């Protein structure tokens, strides 16, 4: 759960928003080439260009500009055809950026705060089976019961699911832990390789030719601190390191002889970052 929370925190926008924005862009472009009387969904149809028309309304600015040019009908028709071809290619490029299983994954909006606390919810069985998660029956029960609890953090998805994962009933049972784990995994799915590319760039800066013998644990710690400070909006000069760790600098306690308790405390600091 801690790894999932860390991954979720590192994303600038959750997967639901990114997928919805991508599909919205495709649907918006469809209105520029597909007549409204044709029941064609470019998301579902591979050969949608066969139904495209080049004489569609292209928006106020375009129509005003092309009229002001006072060009002949043949040239105007060619310009519209080229615009239509550009839109078709743009839709194809956007569709390639959709995951193959987007039809199922687009339903992850059920894990948004508004949807999850609604009394009328979509079924999640197909989604859970696709993810091959365990305890589907328990997760469905938690999914149906979560709106029965009054939650405090209902305006922020990160805080909401963190609260849900930590919730305990009177018997000390974490009743919604399985549901929260699935939700955090879904909402932290990467929808592009941009974060990975940035990580490689940072790795190249940290592990240079002069530092090529650096251990994996040291690299992981440096990168965790870098990204943690970035999320907190701080730098090395204004982050206050706990005094007990300042006292450990230069001593054997900071190396192999450190106790399990000190290792756990250091791990907790890295997780906060």
Protein backbone atom coordinates (compact mmCIF):
# COMPACT_ATOMS: atom_id res chain seq x y z
CA UNK A 1 0.00 0.00 0.00
CA UNK A 2 2.86 2.41 0.80
CA UNK A 3 4.38 1.85 -2.66
CA UNK A 4 0.99 2.46 -4.28
CA UNK A 5 0.49 5.66 -2.30
CA UNK A 6 3.96 6.87 -3.32
CA UNK A 7 3.27 6.14 -6.97
CA UNK A 8 -0.08 7.89 -6.77
CA UNK A 9 1.45 10.97 -5.19
CA UNK A 10 4.06 11.26 -7.97
CA UNK A 11 1.54 11.71 -10.79
CA UNK A 12 0.55 15.24 -11.76
CA UNK A 13 -2.86 14.17 -13.08
CA UNK A 14 -4.70 10.93 -12.46
CA UNK A 15 -5.40 8.39 -15.16
CA UNK A 16 -9.13 9.09 -15.26
CA UNK A 17 -8.62 12.72 -16.24
CA UNK A 18 -6.02 11.92 -18.88
CA UNK A 19 -8.09 9.22 -20.53
CA UNK A 20 -11.23 11.36 -20.47
CA UNK A 21 -9.36 14.33 -21.96
CA UNK A 22 -8.01 12.16 -24.76
CA UNK A 23 -11.42 10.74 -25.62
CA UNK A 24 -12.99 14.19 -25.41
CA UNK A 25 -10.45 15.51 -27.93
CA UNK A 26 -11.26 12.67 -30.34
CA UNK A 27 -15.00 13.23 -30.00
CA UNK A 28 -14.57 16.96 -30.55
CA UNK A 29 -12.57 16.40 -33.74
CA UNK A 30 -15.22 13.97 -34.96
CA UNK A 31 -17.70 16.84 -35.20
CA UNK A 32 -15.47 18.47 -37.84
CA UNK A 33 -15.61 15.59 -40.32
CA UNK A 34 -18.57 13.29 -39.53
CA UNK A 35 -22.12 14.55 -40.29
CA UNK A 36 -24.41 14.45 -37.24
CA UNK A 37 -26.99 12.33 -39.08
CA UNK A 38 -24.49 9.46 -39.33
CA UNK A 39 -24.32 7.31 -36.24
CA UNK A 40 -20.58 6.79 -36.36
CA UNK A 41 -18.33 6.60 -33.33
CA UNK A 42 -14.72 7.15 -34.39
CA UNK A 43 -13.57 5.53 -31.15
CA UNK A 44 -15.25 2.27 -32.11
CA UNK A 45 -14.86 2.42 -35.92
CA UNK A 46 -11.48 1.75 -37.52
CA UNK A 47 -12.40 2.91 -41.06
CA UNK A 48 -14.23 6.05 -39.94
CA UNK A 49 -12.59 8.11 -42.71
CA UNK A 50 -14.96 6.47 -45.20
CA UNK A 51 -17.80 8.43 -43.60
CA UNK A 52 -15.92 11.74 -43.41
CA UNK A 53 -17.11 14.84 -45.31
CA UNK A 54 -14.87 17.72 -46.31
CA UNK A 55 -17.67 20.32 -46.47
CA UNK A 56 -18.40 20.31 -42.73
CA UNK A 57 -18.55 23.51 -40.68
CA UNK A 58 -15.02 24.12 -39.36
CA UNK A 59 -15.74 26.76 -36.78
CA UNK A 60 -16.34 30.50 -36.78
CA UNK A 61 -12.74 31.64 -37.30
CA UNK A 62 -12.12 29.26 -40.19
CA UNK A 63 -15.36 30.06 -41.98
CA UNK A 64 -14.83 33.80 -41.56
CA UNK A 65 -11.25 33.62 -42.82
CA UNK A 66 -11.99 31.54 -45.88
CA UNK A 67 -14.82 33.85 -46.91
CA UNK A 68 -12.56 36.89 -46.58
CA UNK A 69 -10.06 35.36 -49.02
CA UNK A 70 -12.53 35.58 -51.93
CA UNK A 71 -11.08 32.50 -53.60
CA UNK A 72 -12.81 30.39 -56.25
CA UNK A 73 -14.91 27.39 -55.30
CA UNK A 74 -12.35 24.85 -56.55
CA UNK A 75 -9.55 26.20 -54.37
CA UNK A 76 -11.85 26.45 -51.36
CA UNK A 77 -12.87 22.82 -51.87
CA UNK A 78 -9.22 21.77 -51.95
CA UNK A 79 -8.46 23.66 -48.74
CA UNK A 80 -11.39 22.04 -46.99
CA UNK A 81 -10.29 18.61 -48.22
CA UNK A 82 -6.80 19.16 -46.84
CA UNK A 83 -8.22 20.30 -43.50
CA UNK A 84 -10.43 17.22 -43.40
CA UNK A 85 -7.43 14.98 -44.15
CA UNK A 86 -5.46 16.67 -41.35
CA UNK A 87 -8.28 16.07 -38.85
CA UNK A 88 -8.54 12.41 -39.89
CA UNK A 89 -4.81 11.87 -39.38
CA UNK A 90 -4.93 13.69 -36.05
CA UNK A 91 -7.73 11.42 -34.83
CA UNK A 92 -5.76 8.37 -35.90
CA UNK A 93 -2.70 9.60 -34.00
CA UNK A 94 -4.77 10.23 -30.87
CA UNK A 95 -6.40 6.81 -31.12
CA UNK A 96 -2.96 5.20 -31.22
CA UNK A 97 -2.27 6.77 -27.85
CA UNK A 98 -5.28 5.06 -26.33
CA UNK A 99 -4.53 1.75 -24.58
CA UNK A 100 -5.95 -1.33 -26.29
CA UNK A 101 -8.24 -1.94 -23.34
CA UNK A 102 -9.42 1.66 -23.01
CA UNK A 103 -13.08 0.63 -23.30
CA UNK A 104 -12.76 -1.10 -19.96
CA UNK A 105 -10.25 1.27 -18.40
CA UNK A 106 -12.36 4.33 -19.19
CA UNK A 107 -14.70 3.08 -16.48
CA UNK A 108 -12.11 3.89 -13.83
CA UNK A 109 -14.02 7.11 -13.28
CA UNK A 110 -16.10 5.00 -10.87
CA UNK A 111 -13.22 5.56 -8.42
CA UNK A 112 -13.60 9.34 -8.49
CA UNK A 113 -14.92 10.78 -5.25
CA UNK A 114 -18.23 11.89 -6.76
CA UNK A 115 -18.91 8.51 -8.36
CA UNK A 116 -17.75 6.34 -5.48
CA UNK A 117 -19.98 8.14 -2.96
CA UNK A 118 -23.04 8.10 -5.22
CA UNK A 119 -25.96 5.85 -4.32
CA UNK A 120 -26.28 4.84 -8.00
CA UNK A 121 -23.05 3.23 -9.17
CA UNK A 122 -21.78 1.37 -12.20
CA UNK A 123 -20.80 -2.25 -11.85
CA UNK A 124 -17.08 -2.94 -11.45
CA UNK A 125 -17.06 -6.72 -11.92
CA UNK A 126 -15.78 -6.58 -15.51
CA UNK A 127 -13.09 -4.09 -14.56
CA UNK A 128 -11.89 -6.20 -11.62
CA UNK A 129 -11.86 -9.37 -13.71
CA UNK A 130 -9.84 -7.60 -16.39
CA UNK A 131 -7.29 -6.55 -13.77
CA UNK A 132 -7.25 -10.11 -12.41
CA UNK A 133 -7.47 -8.90 -8.84
CA UNK A 134 -8.15 -11.17 -5.90
CA UNK A 135 -11.05 -10.92 -3.46
CA UNK A 136 -13.49 -9.58 -6.06
CA UNK A 137 -16.48 -10.40 -3.84
CA UNK A 138 -14.96 -8.49 -0.90
CA UNK A 139 -14.06 -5.52 -3.07
CA UNK A 140 -17.57 -5.34 -4.51
CA UNK A 141 -19.02 -5.39 -1.01
CA UNK A 142 -16.70 -2.58 0.07
CA UNK A 143 -17.57 -0.69 -3.11
CA UNK A 144 -21.28 -0.88 -2.33
CA UNK A 145 -20.86 0.08 1.34
CA UNK A 146 -18.35 2.94 1.09
CA UNK A 147 -21.01 5.63 0.67
CA UNK A 148 -22.49 4.60 4.06
CA UNK A 149 -19.55 6.23 5.87
CA UNK A 150 -19.23 9.99 6.30
CA UNK A 151 -15.80 10.91 4.94
CA UNK A 152 -13.93 14.13 5.61
CA UNK A 153 -11.65 14.52 2.56
CA UNK A 154 -14.16 14.51 -0.29
CA UNK A 155 -12.57 17.28 -2.37
CA UNK A 156 -9.19 15.68 -3.02
CA UNK A 157 -8.80 12.19 -4.49
CA UNK A 158 -5.38 11.65 -2.93
CA UNK A 159 -6.50 12.56 0.59
CA UNK A 160 -9.81 10.74 0.16
CA UNK A 161 -8.32 7.37 -0.75
CA UNK A 162 -5.60 7.74 1.86
CA UNK A 163 -8.36 8.29 4.43
CA UNK A 164 -10.27 5.27 3.11
CA UNK A 165 -7.20 3.03 3.28
CA UNK A 166 -6.54 4.05 6.90
CA UNK A 167 -10.17 3.77 8.06
CA UNK A 168 -10.82 1.33 10.91
CA UNK A 169 -14.14 0.25 12.40
CA UNK A 170 -14.82 -0.19 16.12
CA UNK A 171 -13.16 -3.61 16.02
CA UNK A 172 -9.95 -2.22 14.51
CA UNK A 173 -10.64 -3.75 11.08
CA UNK A 174 -9.61 -1.80 7.96
CA UNK A 175 -12.87 -2.42 6.19
CA UNK A 176 -12.06 -0.71 2.88
CA UNK A 177 -8.38 -1.58 2.49
CA UNK A 178 -8.84 -3.89 -0.53
CA UNK A 179 -10.98 -1.36 -2.38
CA UNK A 180 -8.55 1.47 -1.63
CA UNK A 181 -5.61 -0.58 -2.90
CA UNK A 182 -7.35 -1.22 -6.24
CA UNK A 183 -8.46 2.41 -6.56
CA UNK A 184 -4.97 3.77 -5.88
CA UNK A 185 -3.44 1.34 -8.37
CA UNK A 186 -5.94 2.38 -11.05
CA UNK A 187 -5.60 6.12 -10.42
CA UNK A 188 -1.81 5.92 -10.48
CA UNK A 189 -1.57 4.15 -13.84
CA UNK A 190 0.91 5.95 -16.12
CA UNK A 191 -0.68 6.99 -19.43
CA UNK A 192 2.50 8.13 -21.08
CA UNK A 193 6.22 7.42 -20.80
CA UNK A 194 7.05 11.05 -19.97
CA UNK A 195 7.67 10.33 -16.28
CA UNK A 196 9.88 7.38 -17.17
CA UNK A 197 11.93 9.49 -19.59
CA UNK A 198 12.38 12.16 -16.93
CA UNK A 199 13.53 9.49 -14.50
CA UNK A 200 16.15 8.25 -16.96
CA UNK A 201 17.39 11.81 -17.42
CA UNK A 202 17.69 12.28 -13.65
CA UNK A 203 19.42 8.90 -13.36
CA UNK A 204 22.03 9.96 -15.92
CA UNK A 205 22.71 13.12 -13.90
CA UNK A 206 23.06 11.21 -10.63
CA UNK A 207 25.05 8.20 -11.84
CA UNK A 208 27.72 9.85 -13.94
CA UNK A 209 31.00 8.38 -15.19
CA UNK A 210 32.70 9.61 -12.03
CA UNK A 211 30.06 7.94 -9.84
CA UNK A 212 29.52 4.73 -11.80
CA UNK A 213 30.16 2.47 -8.80
CA UNK A 214 27.26 3.92 -6.81
CA UNK A 215 25.03 1.26 -5.25
CA UNK A 216 21.41 0.82 -6.21
CA UNK A 217 20.15 1.75 -2.72
CA UNK A 218 22.10 5.03 -2.82
CA UNK A 219 20.73 5.90 -6.26
CA UNK A 220 17.19 5.12 -5.10
CA UNK A 221 17.64 7.33 -2.03
CA UNK A 222 19.01 10.27 -4.03
CA UNK A 223 16.21 10.09 -6.59
CA UNK A 224 13.57 9.74 -3.85
CA UNK A 225 14.94 12.84 -2.11
CA UNK A 226 15.07 14.82 -5.38
CA UNK A 227 11.49 14.07 -6.34
CA UNK A 228 10.30 14.43 -2.75
CA UNK A 229 11.76 17.91 -2.43
CA UNK A 230 10.27 18.81 -5.80
CA UNK A 231 6.78 17.73 -4.68
CA UNK A 232 7.15 19.71 -1.45
CA UNK A 233 8.36 22.76 -3.33
CA UNK A 234 11.59 22.83 -1.31
CA UNK A 235 15.32 22.57 -1.95
CA UNK A 236 18.23 21.15 0.01
CA UNK A 237 18.89 24.51 1.70
CA UNK A 238 15.39 25.02 3.16
CA UNK A 239 14.45 21.43 4.07
CA UNK A 240 14.91 20.78 7.77
CA UNK A 241 16.56 17.41 8.34
CA UNK A 242 15.66 15.83 11.71
CA UNK A 243 18.37 16.66 14.31
CA UNK A 244 19.04 13.02 15.15
CA UNK A 245 20.06 12.37 11.55
CA UNK A 246 22.29 15.40 11.48
CA UNK A 247 24.10 13.95 14.50
CA UNK A 248 24.58 10.66 12.63
CA UNK A 249 26.56 12.27 9.80
CA UNK A 250 30.16 11.05 9.90
CA UNK A 251 29.45 8.32 12.42
CA UNK A 252 29.25 4.57 12.01
CA UNK A 253 25.55 4.70 12.84
CA UNK A 254 24.81 6.00 9.35
CA UNK A 255 26.35 2.92 7.70
CA UNK A 256 26.12 -0.85 8.06
CA UNK A 257 26.04 -0.84 11.84
CA UNK A 258 22.79 1.16 12.02
CA UNK A 259 19.96 -0.46 13.94
CA UNK A 260 16.73 -1.76 12.47
CA UNK A 261 14.89 1.06 14.21
CA UNK A 262 17.06 3.72 12.59
CA UNK A 263 16.62 2.08 9.17
CA UNK A 264 12.86 2.12 9.64
CA UNK A 265 12.94 5.78 10.66
CA UNK A 266 15.01 6.67 7.58
CA UNK A 267 12.59 4.75 5.37
CA UNK A 268 9.75 6.76 6.86
CA UNK A 269 11.51 10.02 5.98
CA UNK A 270 11.98 8.88 2.38
CA UNK A 271 8.31 7.89 2.18
CA UNK A 272 7.27 11.34 3.39
CA UNK A 273 9.40 12.85 0.64
